[in-house]
Amino acid sequence: MSAHCCDHDSAPGAAEANSPRYRRVLWIALMVNFAMFGIEIAAGFRAGSVSLLADAIDFFGDAANYAVTLAVLSMGLIWRARAALLKAASMLAFGVVVLARAVWMAAQGGAPEPLTMGAIGLLALIANVGVAAMLYAYREGDANMRSVWLCSRNDAIGNLAVMLAALGVFGTGSAWPDLAVATVMAVLAVTGAYTVFKLARNELRGSRHP
């Protein structure tokens, strides 16, 4: 890194991260994710769907992540990198919780209600594609901005998977498509956590060695 890396305001992505437009995008994303958390948690329990519950938990985690991101936007790179480490830990925890829930539901048996899964999955997809489109321009920023983009991208992929799971449950009458999708979402969370952790760790090391 250059000799000016000790000046946090000159760090790559610092100006973009603290721009009014980026703040507006994050506020919109926070509100959308919090609203979808409420909708999906209710629908997930009603339909008995692990993938919907997993997506609901993910929406809540993303809303919290957007709030953390907003809190550290005006801070230096080292604080934004630390926030990214916190978000990586939350992504990892989400993955582990979903995997455990999938195992538990597999042991319990029974199939979820596919129509609710499909309808809510479509609504969530529309919400996440909108958020992802707004965040696309910031996908190559620092670790904090990168983590926000990864969460949004993973959510859109997860919504498509939930809709496919609904079709699978409808066609087979089995819970396995739902459980398989929940597992894929958990793996996406774990791999995304690793990517963000690695980038944030490199940024922290660079900030200590200007």
Protein backbone atom coordinates (compact mmCIF):
# COMPACT_ATOMS: atom_id res chain seq x y z
CA MET A 1 0.00 0.00 0.00
CA SER A 2 1.14 3.57 -0.58
CA ALA A 3 2.71 5.83 1.99
CA HIS A 4 -0.59 7.67 2.38
CA CYS A 5 -2.45 4.61 3.69
CA CYS A 6 -2.12 5.94 7.23
CA ASP A 7 -4.48 8.71 6.09
CA HIS A 8 -7.76 6.82 6.38
CA ASP A 9 -9.69 9.36 4.34
CA SER A 10 -7.44 8.57 1.38
CA ALA A 11 -8.09 4.85 1.57
CA PRO A 12 -9.61 3.20 -1.50
CA GLY A 13 -13.37 3.58 -1.39
CA ALA A 14 -13.37 6.05 1.52
CA ALA A 15 -15.00 8.88 -0.46
CA GLU A 16 -17.63 6.58 -1.95
CA ALA A 17 -18.31 4.92 1.41
CA ASN A 18 -19.06 8.28 3.03
CA SER A 19 -21.09 9.72 0.15
CA PRO A 20 -24.70 10.87 0.75
CA ARG A 21 -25.92 8.62 -2.08
CA TYR A 22 -24.37 5.52 -0.50
CA ARG A 23 -25.94 6.43 2.83
CA ARG A 24 -29.37 6.74 1.21
CA VAL A 25 -28.94 3.36 -0.46
CA LEU A 26 -28.03 1.76 2.87
CA TRP A 27 -31.02 3.31 4.65
CA ILE A 28 -33.37 1.99 1.96
CA ALA A 29 -31.72 -1.44 2.14
CA LEU A 30 -32.03 -1.48 5.95
CA MET A 31 -35.77 -0.71 5.84
CA VAL A 32 -36.46 -3.23 3.07
CA ASN A 33 -34.57 -5.99 4.89
CA PHE A 34 -36.23 -5.34 8.23
CA ALA A 35 -39.70 -5.38 6.64
CA MET A 36 -38.94 -8.62 4.78
CA PHE A 37 -37.67 -10.21 8.00
CA GLY A 38 -41.08 -9.73 9.59
CA ILE A 39 -42.92 -11.07 6.55
CA GLU A 40 -40.68 -14.12 6.08
CA ILE A 41 -40.45 -15.16 9.71
CA ALA A 42 -44.26 -15.31 9.89
CA ALA A 43 -44.53 -17.10 6.54
CA GLY A 44 -41.73 -19.52 7.40
CA PHE A 45 -43.43 -20.73 10.56
CA ARG A 46 -46.82 -20.85 8.84
CA ALA A 47 -45.48 -22.89 5.92
CA GLY A 48 -43.09 -25.01 7.99
CA SER A 49 -40.24 -24.07 5.64
CA VAL A 50 -36.61 -24.09 6.78
CA SER A 51 -35.48 -22.20 3.70
CA LEU A 52 -37.96 -19.38 4.39
CA LEU A 53 -36.89 -19.23 8.03
CA ALA A 54 -33.26 -19.19 6.91
CA ASP A 55 -34.00 -16.34 4.53
CA ALA A 56 -35.86 -14.47 7.29
CA ILE A 57 -32.88 -14.77 9.64
CA ASP A 58 -30.66 -13.61 6.82
CA PHE A 59 -32.86 -10.55 6.25
CA PHE A 60 -32.57 -9.68 9.95
CA GLY A 61 -28.80 -10.14 9.88
CA ASP A 62 -28.53 -7.94 6.80
CA ALA A 63 -30.62 -5.20 8.41
CA ALA A 64 -28.27 -5.27 11.40
CA ASN A 65 -25.26 -5.23 9.06
CA TYR A 66 -26.58 -2.19 7.21
CA ALA A 67 -27.06 -0.43 10.55
CA VAL A 68 -23.45 -1.22 11.53
CA THR A 69 -22.22 -0.04 8.15
CA LEU A 70 -24.07 3.27 8.52
CA ALA A 71 -22.53 3.72 11.97
CA VAL A 72 -18.94 3.38 10.71
CA LEU A 73 -19.13 5.08 7.31
CA SER A 74 -17.50 8.31 8.49
CA MET A 75 -14.78 6.48 10.41
CA GLY A 76 -11.35 5.47 9.15
CA LEU A 77 -10.54 2.35 7.17
CA ILE A 78 -9.42 0.44 10.27
CA TRP A 79 -12.86 0.84 11.90
CA ARG A 80 -14.66 -0.10 8.71
CA ALA A 81 -12.48 -3.19 8.46
CA ARG A 82 -13.30 -4.12 12.07
CA ALA A 83 -17.00 -3.73 11.28
CA ALA A 84 -16.50 -6.04 8.31
CA LEU A 85 -14.96 -8.64 10.65
CA LEU A 86 -18.06 -8.41 12.85
CA LYS A 87 -20.27 -8.94 9.82
CA ALA A 88 -18.18 -11.90 8.68
CA ALA A 89 -18.74 -13.46 12.09
CA SER A 90 -22.50 -12.90 11.81
CA MET A 91 -22.56 -14.49 8.34
CA LEU A 92 -20.69 -17.50 9.70
CA ALA A 93 -23.08 -17.80 12.66
CA PHE A 94 -26.07 -17.64 10.29
CA GLY A 95 -24.64 -20.50 8.24
CA VAL A 96 -24.12 -22.69 11.29
CA VAL A 97 -27.61 -22.00 12.69
CA VAL A 98 -29.29 -22.81 9.38
CA LEU A 99 -27.36 -26.06 9.01
CA ALA A 100 -28.40 -27.09 12.52
CA ARG A 101 -32.05 -26.22 11.80
CA ALA A 102 -31.99 -28.24 8.58
CA VAL A 103 -30.65 -31.29 10.41
CA TRP A 104 -33.31 -30.94 13.10
CA MET A 105 -36.14 -30.62 10.55
CA ALA A 106 -34.85 -33.63 8.62
CA ALA A 107 -35.12 -35.66 11.80
CA GLN A 108 -38.66 -34.38 12.48
CA GLY A 109 -40.06 -35.23 9.02
CA GLY A 110 -43.04 -33.65 7.25
CA ALA A 111 -43.17 -31.35 4.20
CA PRO A 112 -43.63 -27.54 4.09
CA GLU A 113 -46.46 -25.74 2.27
CA PRO A 114 -45.12 -24.94 -1.25
CA LEU A 115 -47.52 -22.19 -2.36
CA THR A 116 -46.59 -19.92 0.54
CA MET A 117 -42.92 -20.69 -0.06
CA GLY A 118 -43.17 -19.70 -3.72
CA ALA A 119 -45.17 -16.51 -3.19
CA ILE A 120 -42.97 -15.20 -0.37
CA GLY A 121 -39.84 -16.28 -2.23
CA LEU A 122 -40.92 -14.19 -5.23
CA LEU A 123 -41.64 -11.15 -3.04
CA ALA A 124 -38.24 -11.51 -1.37
CA LEU A 125 -36.53 -11.86 -4.75
CA ILE A 126 -38.07 -8.59 -5.97
CA ALA A 127 -36.91 -6.85 -2.78
CA ASN A 128 -33.36 -8.21 -2.95
CA VAL A 129 -32.86 -7.61 -6.67
CA GLY A 130 -33.84 -3.99 -6.08
CA VAL A 131 -31.34 -3.65 -3.23
CA ALA A 132 -28.60 -5.48 -5.17
CA ALA A 133 -29.11 -3.16 -8.16
CA MET A 134 -28.64 -0.11 -5.92
CA LEU A 135 -25.48 -1.59 -4.33
CA TYR A 136 -23.92 -2.89 -7.56
CA ALA A 137 -21.83 0.24 -8.11
CA TYR A 138 -20.14 -0.24 -4.72
CA ARG A 139 -19.24 -3.94 -5.04
CA GLU A 140 -15.49 -3.28 -5.50
CA GLY A 141 -15.04 -1.01 -2.48
CA ASP A 142 -13.33 -1.78 0.84
CA ALA A 143 -14.11 -4.86 2.96
CA ASN A 144 -17.09 -3.16 4.57
CA MET A 145 -18.65 -2.21 1.22
CA ARG A 146 -17.74 -5.61 -0.22
CA SER A 147 -19.54 -7.38 2.64
CA VAL A 148 -22.70 -5.35 2.00
CA TRP A 149 -22.66 -6.30 -1.70
CA LEU A 150 -22.01 -9.98 -0.94
CA CYS A 151 -24.94 -10.11 1.47
CA SER A 152 -27.24 -8.58 -1.13
CA ARG A 153 -26.03 -10.90 -3.90
CA ASN A 154 -26.34 -14.00 -1.73
CA ASP A 155 -29.87 -13.00 -0.75
CA ALA A 156 -31.02 -12.77 -4.37
CA ILE A 157 -29.49 -16.18 -5.12
CA GLY A 158 -31.17 -17.57 -2.01
CA ASN A 159 -34.58 -16.27 -3.08
CA LEU A 160 -34.30 -18.00 -6.45
CA ALA A 161 -33.35 -21.17 -4.62
CA VAL A 162 -36.37 -20.89 -2.28
CA MET A 163 -38.67 -20.66 -5.30
CA LEU A 164 -37.04 -23.73 -6.85
CA ALA A 165 -37.44 -25.53 -3.52
CA ALA A 166 -41.14 -24.65 -3.53
CA LEU A 167 -41.47 -26.29 -6.94
CA GLY A 168 -39.57 -29.31 -5.68
CA VAL A 169 -41.75 -29.67 -2.60
CA PHE A 170 -44.89 -29.26 -4.71
CA GLY A 171 -43.75 -31.91 -7.17
CA THR A 172 -42.44 -34.48 -4.70
CA GLY A 173 -44.42 -33.86 -1.52
CA SER A 174 -41.10 -34.13 0.31
CA ALA A 175 -39.21 -31.71 2.57
CA TRP A 176 -35.84 -32.52 0.98
CA PRO A 177 -35.88 -29.74 -1.65
CA ASP A 178 -36.52 -27.22 1.14
CA LEU A 179 -33.74 -28.68 3.29
CA ALA A 180 -31.32 -28.80 0.37
CA VAL A 181 -31.88 -25.12 -0.39
CA ALA A 182 -31.44 -24.18 3.26
CA THR A 183 -28.12 -26.03 3.21
CA VAL A 184 -26.98 -24.20 0.07
CA MET A 185 -27.88 -20.85 1.68
CA ALA A 186 -25.86 -21.80 4.74
CA VAL A 187 -22.84 -22.68 2.60
CA LEU A 188 -23.12 -19.34 0.75
CA ALA A 189 -23.08 -17.57 4.11
CA VAL A 190 -19.99 -19.46 5.27
CA THR A 191 -18.03 -18.86 2.04
CA GLY A 192 -19.07 -15.21 1.97
CA ALA A 193 -17.89 -14.84 5.57
CA TYR A 194 -14.49 -16.23 4.59
CA THR A 195 -14.15 -13.77 1.69
CA VAL A 196 -15.03 -10.76 3.84
CA PHE A 197 -12.81 -11.94 6.71
CA LYS A 198 -9.80 -12.34 4.45
CA LEU A 199 -10.21 -8.89 2.87
CA ALA A 200 -10.81 -7.17 6.21
CA ARG A 201 -7.77 -8.87 7.76
CA ASN A 202 -5.59 -7.66 4.87
CA GLU A 203 -6.90 -4.12 5.32
CA LEU A 204 -6.14 -4.21 9.04
CA ARG A 205 -2.61 -5.46 8.37
CA GLY A 206 -2.07 -2.76 5.75
CA SER A 207 -3.26 -0.02 8.10
CA ARG A 208 -0.62 -1.08 10.66
CA HIS A 209 2.17 -1.01 8.08
CA PRO A 210 1.87 2.20 6.06
